[in-house]
Protein backbone atom coordinates (compact mmCIF):
# COMPACT_ATOMS: atom_id res chain seq x y z
CA UNK A 1 0.00 0.00 0.00
CA UNK A 2 2.88 2.32 0.83
CA UNK A 3 4.36 1.80 -2.67
CA UNK A 4 1.11 3.00 -4.24
CA UNK A 5 1.36 6.19 -2.23
CA UNK A 6 4.78 6.84 -3.79
CA UNK A 7 3.31 6.33 -7.26
CA UNK A 8 0.52 8.88 -6.74
CA UNK A 9 2.67 11.96 -7.59
CA UNK A 10 3.93 10.23 -10.75
CA UNK A 11 0.38 9.38 -11.85
CA UNK A 12 -0.78 12.96 -11.20
CA UNK A 13 2.18 14.36 -13.13
CA UNK A 14 1.44 12.10 -16.12
CA UNK A 15 -2.24 13.13 -16.07
CA UNK A 16 -1.39 16.87 -16.03
CA UNK A 17 1.26 16.40 -18.74
CA UNK A 18 -1.24 14.55 -20.94
CA UNK A 19 -3.77 17.36 -20.52
CA UNK A 20 -1.22 19.98 -21.64
CA UNK A 21 -0.06 17.87 -24.58
CA UNK A 22 -3.66 17.62 -25.82
CA UNK A 23 -4.45 21.28 -25.14
CA UNK A 24 -1.31 22.56 -26.85
CA UNK A 25 -1.17 20.16 -29.81
CA UNK A 26 -0.37 21.63 -33.23
CA UNK A 27 -3.37 22.63 -35.29
CA UNK A 28 -5.60 23.23 -32.26
CA UNK A 29 -7.07 26.72 -32.30
CA UNK A 30 -7.31 28.03 -28.71
CA UNK A 31 -9.70 30.75 -29.94
CA UNK A 32 -12.20 28.11 -31.06
CA UNK A 33 -15.07 28.07 -28.60
CA UNK A 34 -17.52 25.34 -29.48
CA UNK A 35 -21.20 26.03 -29.23
CA UNK A 36 -23.77 23.48 -28.11
CA UNK A 37 -26.30 25.29 -30.33
CA UNK A 38 -24.73 24.44 -33.71
CA UNK A 39 -27.44 22.82 -35.89
CA UNK A 40 -30.03 23.50 -33.19
CA UNK A 41 -32.82 26.10 -33.34
CA UNK A 42 -31.70 29.62 -32.52
CA UNK A 43 -33.11 30.88 -29.23
CA UNK A 44 -36.31 32.83 -29.74
CA UNK A 45 -36.11 36.54 -29.02
CA UNK A 46 -38.24 39.66 -29.28
CA UNK A 47 -36.22 42.82 -28.70
CA UNK A 48 -37.08 46.50 -28.73
CA UNK A 49 -35.54 48.49 -31.58
CA UNK A 50 -33.64 51.74 -31.54
CA UNK A 51 -35.89 54.76 -31.08
CA UNK A 52 -38.26 55.07 -33.97
CA UNK A 53 -37.45 51.67 -35.43
CA UNK A 54 -39.26 48.37 -35.26
CA UNK A 55 -37.98 45.80 -32.86
CA UNK A 56 -36.28 42.58 -33.81
CA UNK A 57 -38.02 39.18 -33.51
CA UNK A 58 -36.54 35.90 -34.62
CA UNK A 59 -39.85 34.44 -35.77
CA UNK A 60 -40.32 37.39 -38.16
CA UNK A 61 -36.92 36.71 -39.73
CA UNK A 62 -37.26 33.00 -40.47
CA UNK A 63 -37.31 31.88 -44.08
CA UNK A 64 -34.04 33.60 -44.95
CA UNK A 65 -30.38 32.89 -44.34
CA UNK A 66 -29.05 35.58 -42.05
CA UNK A 67 -26.17 36.81 -39.97
CA UNK A 68 -26.90 37.97 -36.43
CA UNK A 69 -24.11 40.13 -35.02
CA UNK A 70 -23.88 40.97 -31.32
CA UNK A 71 -22.09 44.31 -30.91
CA UNK A 72 -21.76 47.24 -28.51
CA UNK A 73 -20.72 50.87 -28.84
CA UNK A 74 -18.23 50.46 -25.98
CA UNK A 75 -16.54 47.46 -27.65
CA UNK A 76 -13.24 48.27 -29.38
CA UNK A 77 -13.11 45.00 -31.40
CA UNK A 78 -16.63 45.86 -32.65
CA UNK A 79 -15.19 49.03 -34.15
CA UNK A 80 -12.44 46.98 -35.77
CA UNK A 81 -14.89 44.63 -37.50
CA UNK A 82 -17.35 47.34 -38.51
CA UNK A 83 -15.75 48.04 -41.91
CA UNK A 84 -16.07 44.34 -42.75
CA UNK A 85 -19.78 44.43 -41.80
CA UNK A 86 -20.27 47.57 -43.90
CA UNK A 87 -18.73 45.78 -46.90
CA UNK A 88 -21.02 42.76 -46.38
CA UNK A 89 -24.04 45.05 -46.23
CA UNK A 90 -22.92 47.01 -49.29
CA UNK A 91 -23.00 43.84 -51.37
CA UNK A 92 -26.66 43.48 -50.31
CA UNK A 93 -26.70 39.70 -50.67
CA UNK A 94 -26.57 38.91 -46.96
CA UNK A 95 -29.34 39.65 -44.48
CA UNK A 96 -27.38 41.16 -41.59
CA UNK A 97 -29.09 41.93 -38.28
CA UNK A 98 -27.53 43.48 -35.20
CA UNK A 99 -28.16 43.05 -31.51
CA UNK A 100 -26.81 45.84 -29.33
CA UNK A 101 -25.51 44.03 -26.26
CA UNK A 102 -25.87 45.80 -22.89
CA UNK A 103 -25.80 49.16 -24.62
CA UNK A 104 -27.74 52.36 -24.13
CA UNK A 105 -29.94 53.16 -27.15
CA UNK A 106 -28.43 56.63 -27.58
CA UNK A 107 -24.88 55.21 -27.49
CA UNK A 108 -25.74 52.54 -30.07
CA UNK A 109 -27.30 55.21 -32.32
CA UNK A 110 -24.20 57.40 -32.08
CA UNK A 111 -21.96 54.42 -32.83
CA UNK A 112 -23.94 53.62 -35.99
CA UNK A 113 -24.23 57.24 -37.00
CA UNK A 114 -20.47 57.70 -36.73
CA UNK A 115 -19.40 54.42 -38.42
CA UNK A 116 -22.41 53.63 -40.64
CA UNK A 117 -25.32 51.24 -40.21
CA UNK A 118 -24.85 47.89 -41.97
CA UNK A 119 -27.89 46.25 -40.35
CA UNK A 120 -31.35 45.58 -41.81
CA UNK A 121 -32.69 45.64 -38.26
CA UNK A 122 -31.33 46.17 -34.76
CA UNK A 123 -32.56 44.85 -31.44
CA UNK A 124 -31.57 46.16 -28.02
CA UNK A 125 -30.45 43.53 -25.54
CA UNK A 126 -30.01 45.88 -22.60
CA UNK A 127 -30.27 43.13 -19.99
CA UNK A 128 -28.03 40.69 -21.86
CA UNK A 129 -30.64 37.91 -21.64
CA UNK A 130 -30.68 37.20 -25.39
CA UNK A 131 -26.90 37.01 -25.44
CA UNK A 132 -27.01 34.52 -22.55
CA UNK A 133 -29.54 32.41 -24.46
CA UNK A 134 -27.18 32.34 -27.46
CA UNK A 135 -24.17 31.55 -25.28
CA UNK A 136 -22.32 34.75 -26.12
CA UNK A 137 -18.96 34.96 -24.33
CA UNK A 138 -18.35 38.57 -25.30
CA UNK A 139 -18.87 40.96 -28.15
CA UNK A 140 -18.48 40.85 -31.03
CA UNK A 141 -19.94 37.48 -31.91
CA UNK A 142 -21.65 36.59 -35.15
CA UNK A 143 -24.04 33.72 -35.90
CA UNK A 144 -25.16 32.28 -39.23
CA UNK A 145 -28.80 31.19 -39.01
CA UNK A 146 -30.37 29.15 -41.82
CA UNK A 147 -33.85 29.46 -43.35
CA UNK A 148 -35.33 27.08 -40.76
CA UNK A 149 -33.94 29.16 -37.89
CA UNK A 150 -31.06 26.82 -36.95
CA UNK A 151 -27.65 28.13 -35.93
CA UNK A 152 -25.13 26.88 -38.46
CA UNK A 153 -21.99 28.80 -37.47
CA UNK A 154 -20.74 30.81 -34.54
CA UNK A 155 -17.84 33.21 -35.01
CA UNK A 156 -16.28 34.54 -31.83
CA UNK A 157 -14.43 37.85 -32.05
CA UNK A 158 -14.22 40.45 -34.76
CA UNK A 159 -14.81 39.31 -38.33
CA UNK A 160 -11.98 39.91 -40.75
CA UNK A 161 -11.99 39.82 -44.54
CA UNK A 162 -10.17 36.46 -44.32
CA UNK A 163 -12.87 35.06 -41.98
CA UNK A 164 -15.57 36.18 -44.38
CA UNK A 165 -13.83 34.59 -47.37
CA UNK A 166 -12.86 31.37 -45.57
CA UNK A 167 -15.89 30.71 -43.32
CA UNK A 168 -18.91 32.87 -44.04
CA UNK A 169 -19.24 33.17 -47.79
CA UNK A 170 -18.87 29.44 -48.58
CA UNK A 171 -21.42 28.53 -45.89
CA UNK A 172 -23.83 31.28 -46.93
CA UNK A 173 -23.60 30.17 -50.57
CA UNK A 174 -24.26 26.56 -49.55
CA UNK A 175 -27.25 27.54 -47.40
CA UNK A 176 -28.73 29.79 -50.08
CA UNK A 177 -28.84 26.85 -52.50
CA UNK A 178 -30.23 24.31 -50.07
C-alpha atoms as a PDB file:
ATOM      1  CA  UNK A   1       0.000   0.000   0.000  1.00  0.00           C
ATOM      2  CA  UNK A   2       2.877   2.317   0.826  1.00  0.00           C
ATOM      3  CA  UNK A   3       4.362   1.796  -2.667  1.00  0.00           C
ATOM      4  CA  UNK A   4       1.105   2.995  -4.238  1.00  0.00           C
ATOM      5  CA  UNK A   5       1.361   6.190  -2.225  1.00  0.00           C
ATOM      6  CA  UNK A   6       4.776   6.839  -3.791  1.00  0.00           C
ATOM      7  CA  UNK A   7       3.314   6.335  -7.262  1.00  0.00           C
ATOM      8  CA  UNK A   8       0.516   8.876  -6.740  1.00  0.00           C
ATOM      9  CA  UNK A   9       2.665  11.962  -7.594  1.00  0.00           C
ATOM     10  CA  UNK A  10       3.928  10.226 -10.747  1.00  0.00           C
ATOM     11  CA  UNK A  11       0.381   9.380 -11.850  1.00  0.00           C
ATOM     12  CA  UNK A  12      -0.779  12.955 -11.197  1.00  0.00           C
ATOM     13  CA  UNK A  13       2.182  14.357 -13.133  1.00  0.00           C
ATOM     14  CA  UNK A  14       1.443  12.100 -16.122  1.00  0.00           C
ATOM     15  CA  UNK A  15      -2.240  13.135 -16.073  1.00  0.00           C
ATOM     16  CA  UNK A  16      -1.385  16.866 -16.030  1.00  0.00           C
ATOM     17  CA  UNK A  17       1.259  16.401 -18.739  1.00  0.00           C
ATOM     18  CA  UNK A  18      -1.245  14.545 -20.942  1.00  0.00           C
ATOM     19  CA  UNK A  19      -3.766  17.357 -20.524  1.00  0.00           C
ATOM     20  CA  UNK A  20      -1.223  19.979 -21.642  1.00  0.00           C
ATOM     21  CA  UNK A  21      -0.057  17.866 -24.581  1.00  0.00           C
ATOM     22  CA  UNK A  22      -3.657  17.624 -25.824  1.00  0.00           C
ATOM     23  CA  UNK A  23      -4.451  21.281 -25.138  1.00  0.00           C
ATOM     24  CA  UNK A  24      -1.305  22.560 -26.849  1.00  0.00           C
ATOM     25  CA  UNK A  25      -1.175  20.164 -29.810  1.00  0.00           C
ATOM     26  CA  UNK A  26      -0.367  21.628 -33.235  1.00  0.00           C
ATOM     27  CA  UNK A  27      -3.370  22.629 -35.288  1.00  0.00           C
ATOM     28  CA  UNK A  28      -5.603  23.227 -32.261  1.00  0.00           C
ATOM     29  CA  UNK A  29      -7.069  26.722 -32.304  1.00  0.00           C
ATOM     30  CA  UNK A  30      -7.308  28.033 -28.715  1.00  0.00           C
ATOM     31  CA  UNK A  31      -9.697  30.748 -29.943  1.00  0.00           C
ATOM     32  CA  UNK A  32     -12.197  28.113 -31.058  1.00  0.00           C
ATOM     33  CA  UNK A  33     -15.067  28.070 -28.600  1.00  0.00           C
ATOM     34  CA  UNK A  34     -17.516  25.336 -29.482  1.00  0.00           C
ATOM     35  CA  UNK A  35     -21.204  26.028 -29.233  1.00  0.00           C
ATOM     36  CA  UNK A  36     -23.766  23.484 -28.113  1.00  0.00           C
ATOM     37  CA  UNK A  37     -26.301  25.287 -30.329  1.00  0.00           C
ATOM     38  CA  UNK A  38     -24.732  24.436 -33.707  1.00  0.00           C
ATOM     39  CA  UNK A  39     -27.435  22.821 -35.894  1.00  0.00           C
ATOM     40  CA  UNK A  40     -30.033  23.498 -33.194  1.00  0.00           C
ATOM     41  CA  UNK A  41     -32.822  26.099 -33.343  1.00  0.00           C
ATOM     42  CA  UNK A  42     -31.701  29.618 -32.518  1.00  0.00           C
ATOM     43  CA  UNK A  43     -33.109  30.883 -29.235  1.00  0.00           C
ATOM     44  CA  UNK A  44     -36.311  32.826 -29.745  1.00  0.00           C
ATOM     45  CA  UNK A  45     -36.111  36.542 -29.022  1.00  0.00           C
ATOM     46  CA  UNK A  46     -38.239  39.657 -29.283  1.00  0.00           C
ATOM     47  CA  UNK A  47     -36.218  42.816 -28.701  1.00  0.00           C
ATOM     48  CA  UNK A  48     -37.078  46.501 -28.727  1.00  0.00           C
ATOM     49  CA  UNK A  49     -35.538  48.488 -31.576  1.00  0.00           C
ATOM     50  CA  UNK A  50     -33.636  51.744 -31.537  1.00  0.00           C
ATOM     51  CA  UNK A  51     -35.895  54.756 -31.083  1.00  0.00           C
ATOM     52  CA  UNK A  52     -38.264  55.074 -33.971  1.00  0.00           C
ATOM     53  CA  UNK A  53     -37.454  51.671 -35.430  1.00  0.00           C
ATOM     54  CA  UNK A  54     -39.257  48.374 -35.258  1.00  0.00           C
ATOM     55  CA  UNK A  55     -37.976  45.801 -32.859  1.00  0.00           C
ATOM     56  CA  UNK A  56     -36.284  42.577 -33.813  1.00  0.00           C
ATOM     57  CA  UNK A  57     -38.025  39.183 -33.506  1.00  0.00           C
ATOM     58  CA  UNK A  58     -36.540  35.901 -34.618  1.00  0.00           C
ATOM     59  CA  UNK A  59     -39.853  34.445 -35.769  1.00  0.00           C
ATOM     60  CA  UNK A  60     -40.316  37.387 -38.161  1.00  0.00           C
ATOM     61  CA  UNK A  61     -36.920  36.712 -39.730  1.00  0.00           C
ATOM     62  CA  UNK A  62     -37.255  32.995 -40.469  1.00  0.00           C
ATOM     63  CA  UNK A  63     -37.309  31.880 -44.079  1.00  0.00           C
ATOM     64  CA  UNK A  64     -34.043  33.603 -44.948  1.00  0.00           C
ATOM     65  CA  UNK A  65     -30.384  32.889 -44.340  1.00  0.00           C
ATOM     66  CA  UNK A  66     -29.048  35.581 -42.052  1.00  0.00           C
ATOM     67  CA  UNK A  67     -26.167  36.812 -39.970  1.00  0.00           C
ATOM     68  CA  UNK A  68     -26.898  37.967 -36.435  1.00  0.00           C
ATOM     69  CA  UNK A  69     -24.111  40.126 -35.023  1.00  0.00           C
ATOM     70  CA  UNK A  70     -23.875  40.965 -31.316  1.00  0.00           C
ATOM     71  CA  UNK A  71     -22.089  44.305 -30.907  1.00  0.00           C
ATOM     72  CA  UNK A  72     -21.756  47.241 -28.505  1.00  0.00           C
ATOM     73  CA  UNK A  73     -20.723  50.870 -28.836  1.00  0.00           C
ATOM     74  CA  UNK A  74     -18.233  50.460 -25.979  1.00  0.00           C
ATOM     75  CA  UNK A  75     -16.545  47.464 -27.649  1.00  0.00           C
ATOM     76  CA  UNK A  76     -13.239  48.267 -29.375  1.00  0.00           C
ATOM     77  CA  UNK A  77     -13.111  45.000 -31.402  1.00  0.00           C
ATOM     78  CA  UNK A  78     -16.627  45.858 -32.653  1.00  0.00           C
ATOM     79  CA  UNK A  79     -15.193  49.034 -34.150  1.00  0.00           C
ATOM     80  CA  UNK A  80     -12.435  46.978 -35.765  1.00  0.00           C
ATOM     81  CA  UNK A  81     -14.885  44.625 -37.502  1.00  0.00           C
ATOM     82  CA  UNK A  82     -17.350  47.345 -38.513  1.00  0.00           C
ATOM     83  CA  UNK A  83     -15.752  48.043 -41.909  1.00  0.00           C
ATOM     84  CA  UNK A  84     -16.074  44.335 -42.746  1.00  0.00           C
ATOM     85  CA  UNK A  85     -19.783  44.427 -41.803  1.00  0.00           C
ATOM     86  CA  UNK A  86     -20.267  47.574 -43.899  1.00  0.00           C
ATOM     87  CA  UNK A  87     -18.734  45.779 -46.900  1.00  0.00           C
ATOM     88  CA  UNK A  88     -21.015  42.759 -46.385  1.00  0.00           C
ATOM     89  CA  UNK A  89     -24.042  45.054 -46.230  1.00  0.00           C
ATOM     90  CA  UNK A  90     -22.916  47.010 -49.290  1.00  0.00           C
ATOM     91  CA  UNK A  91     -22.998  43.839 -51.366  1.00  0.00           C
ATOM     92  CA  UNK A  92     -26.657  43.479 -50.313  1.00  0.00           C
ATOM     93  CA  UNK A  93     -26.703  39.703 -50.670  1.00  0.00           C
ATOM     94  CA  UNK A  94     -26.574  38.914 -46.961  1.00  0.00           C
ATOM     95  CA  UNK A  95     -29.341  39.646 -44.476  1.00  0.00           C
ATOM     96  CA  UNK A  96     -27.380  41.164 -41.586  1.00  0.00           C
ATOM     97  CA  UNK A  97     -29.087  41.928 -38.275  1.00  0.00           C
ATOM     98  CA  UNK A  98     -27.535  43.485 -35.198  1.00  0.00           C
ATOM     99  CA  UNK A  99     -28.160  43.049 -31.508  1.00  0.00           C
ATOM    100  CA  UNK A 100     -26.807  45.840 -29.325  1.00  0.00           C
ATOM    101  CA  UNK A 101     -25.514  44.035 -26.257  1.00  0.00           C
ATOM    102  CA  UNK A 102     -25.866  45.801 -22.893  1.00  0.00           C
ATOM    103  CA  UNK A 103     -25.802  49.159 -24.625  1.00  0.00           C
ATOM    104  CA  UNK A 104     -27.740  52.360 -24.129  1.00  0.00           C
ATOM    105  CA  UNK A 105     -29.942  53.159 -27.146  1.00  0.00           C
ATOM    106  CA  UNK A 106     -28.433  56.629 -27.584  1.00  0.00           C
ATOM    107  CA  UNK A 107     -24.882  55.210 -27.489  1.00  0.00           C
ATOM    108  CA  UNK A 108     -25.738  52.540 -30.069  1.00  0.00           C
ATOM    109  CA  UNK A 109     -27.296  55.209 -32.315  1.00  0.00           C
ATOM    110  CA  UNK A 110     -24.195  57.400 -32.080  1.00  0.00           C
ATOM    111  CA  UNK A 111     -21.964  54.421 -32.833  1.00  0.00           C
ATOM    112  CA  UNK A 112     -23.942  53.616 -35.992  1.00  0.00           C
ATOM    113  CA  UNK A 113     -24.232  57.241 -37.004  1.00  0.00           C
ATOM    114  CA  UNK A 114     -20.471  57.695 -36.726  1.00  0.00           C
ATOM    115  CA  UNK A 115     -19.404  54.420 -38.419  1.00  0.00           C
ATOM    116  CA  UNK A 116     -22.409  53.628 -40.635  1.00  0.00           C
ATOM    117  CA  UNK A 117     -25.320  51.242 -40.213  1.00  0.00           C
ATOM    118  CA  UNK A 118     -24.852  47.889 -41.968  1.00  0.00           C
ATOM    119  CA  UNK A 119     -27.892  46.251 -40.351  1.00  0.00           C
ATOM    120  CA  UNK A 120     -31.345  45.580 -41.813  1.00  0.00           C
ATOM    121  CA  UNK A 121     -32.687  45.642 -38.264  1.00  0.00           C
ATOM    122  CA  UNK A 122     -31.329  46.166 -34.758  1.00  0.00           C
ATOM    123  CA  UNK A 123     -32.560  44.854 -31.438  1.00  0.00           C
ATOM    124  CA  UNK A 124     -31.569  46.160 -28.019  1.00  0.00           C
ATOM    125  CA  UNK A 125     -30.453  43.526 -25.541  1.00  0.00           C
ATOM    126  CA  UNK A 126     -30.013  45.879 -22.602  1.00  0.00           C
ATOM    127  CA  UNK A 127     -30.273  43.125 -19.985  1.00  0.00           C
ATOM    128  CA  UNK A 128     -28.031  40.690 -21.855  1.00  0.00           C
ATOM    129  CA  UNK A 129     -30.645  37.911 -21.642  1.00  0.00           C
ATOM    130  CA  UNK A 130     -30.683  37.195 -25.386  1.00  0.00           C
ATOM    131  CA  UNK A 131     -26.897  37.008 -25.436  1.00  0.00           C
ATOM    132  CA  UNK A 132     -27.006  34.523 -22.551  1.00  0.00           C
ATOM    133  CA  UNK A 133     -29.537  32.411 -24.459  1.00  0.00           C
ATOM    134  CA  UNK A 134     -27.185  32.345 -27.465  1.00  0.00           C
ATOM    135  CA  UNK A 135     -24.169  31.550 -25.282  1.00  0.00           C
ATOM    136  CA  UNK A 136     -22.319  34.749 -26.120  1.00  0.00           C
ATOM    137  CA  UNK A 137     -18.964  34.956 -24.327  1.00  0.00           C
ATOM    138  CA  UNK A 138     -18.347  38.566 -25.304  1.00  0.00           C
ATOM    139  CA  UNK A 139     -18.867  40.958 -28.150  1.00  0.00           C
ATOM    140  CA  UNK A 140     -18.478  40.850 -31.030  1.00  0.00           C
ATOM    141  CA  UNK A 141     -19.945  37.478 -31.905  1.00  0.00           C
ATOM    142  CA  UNK A 142     -21.650  36.585 -35.152  1.00  0.00           C
ATOM    143  CA  UNK A 143     -24.044  33.724 -35.897  1.00  0.00           C
ATOM    144  CA  UNK A 144     -25.157  32.284 -39.227  1.00  0.00           C
ATOM    145  CA  UNK A 145     -28.798  31.189 -39.011  1.00  0.00           C
ATOM    146  CA  UNK A 146     -30.368  29.150 -41.818  1.00  0.00           C
ATOM    147  CA  UNK A 147     -33.846  29.459 -43.349  1.00  0.00           C
ATOM    148  CA  UNK A 148     -35.329  27.085 -40.765  1.00  0.00           C
ATOM    149  CA  UNK A 149     -33.943  29.156 -37.893  1.00  0.00           C
ATOM    150  CA  UNK A 150     -31.062  26.819 -36.953  1.00  0.00           C
ATOM    151  CA  UNK A 151     -27.652  28.126 -35.932  1.00  0.00           C
ATOM    152  CA  UNK A 152     -25.130  26.877 -38.464  1.00  0.00           C
ATOM    153  CA  UNK A 153     -21.994  28.803 -37.467  1.00  0.00           C
ATOM    154  CA  UNK A 154     -20.743  30.812 -34.537  1.00  0.00           C
ATOM    155  CA  UNK A 155     -17.841  33.206 -35.015  1.00  0.00           C
ATOM    156  CA  UNK A 156     -16.285  34.540 -31.828  1.00  0.00           C
ATOM    157  CA  UNK A 157     -14.429  37.846 -32.048  1.00  0.00           C
ATOM    158  CA  UNK A 158     -14.224  40.450 -34.762  1.00  0.00           C
ATOM    159  CA  UNK A 159     -14.815  39.306 -38.328  1.00  0.00           C
ATOM    160  CA  UNK A 160     -11.978  39.908 -40.753  1.00  0.00           C
ATOM    161  CA  UNK A 161     -11.992  39.816 -44.536  1.00  0.00           C
ATOM    162  CA  UNK A 162     -10.171  36.463 -44.323  1.00  0.00           C
ATOM    163  CA  UNK A 163     -12.866  35.065 -41.982  1.00  0.00           C
ATOM    164  CA  UNK A 164     -15.573  36.176 -44.380  1.00  0.00           C
ATOM    165  CA  UNK A 165     -13.831  34.592 -47.372  1.00  0.00           C
ATOM    166  CA  UNK A 166     -12.855  31.374 -45.569  1.00  0.00           C
ATOM    167  CA  UNK A 167     -15.892  30.714 -43.323  1.00  0.00           C
ATOM    168  CA  UNK A 168     -18.915  32.866 -44.037  1.00  0.00           C
ATOM    169  CA  UNK A 169     -19.240  33.168 -47.788  1.00  0.00           C
ATOM    170  CA  UNK A 170     -18.867  29.442 -48.583  1.00  0.00           C
ATOM    171  CA  UNK A 171     -21.422  28.525 -45.891  1.00  0.00           C
ATOM    172  CA  UNK A 172     -23.829  31.277 -46.933  1.00  0.00           C
ATOM    173  CA  UNK A 173     -23.597  30.165 -50.570  1.00  0.00           C
ATOM    174  CA  UNK A 174     -24.262  26.560 -49.549  1.00  0.00           C
ATOM    175  CA  UNK A 175     -27.247  27.535 -47.396  1.00  0.00           C
ATOM    176  CA  UNK A 176     -28.730  29.792 -50.078  1.00  0.00           C
ATOM    177  CA  UNK A 177     -28.838  26.853 -52.504  1.00  0.00           C
ATOM    178  CA  UNK A 178     -30.230  24.310 -50.067  1.00  0.00           C
END
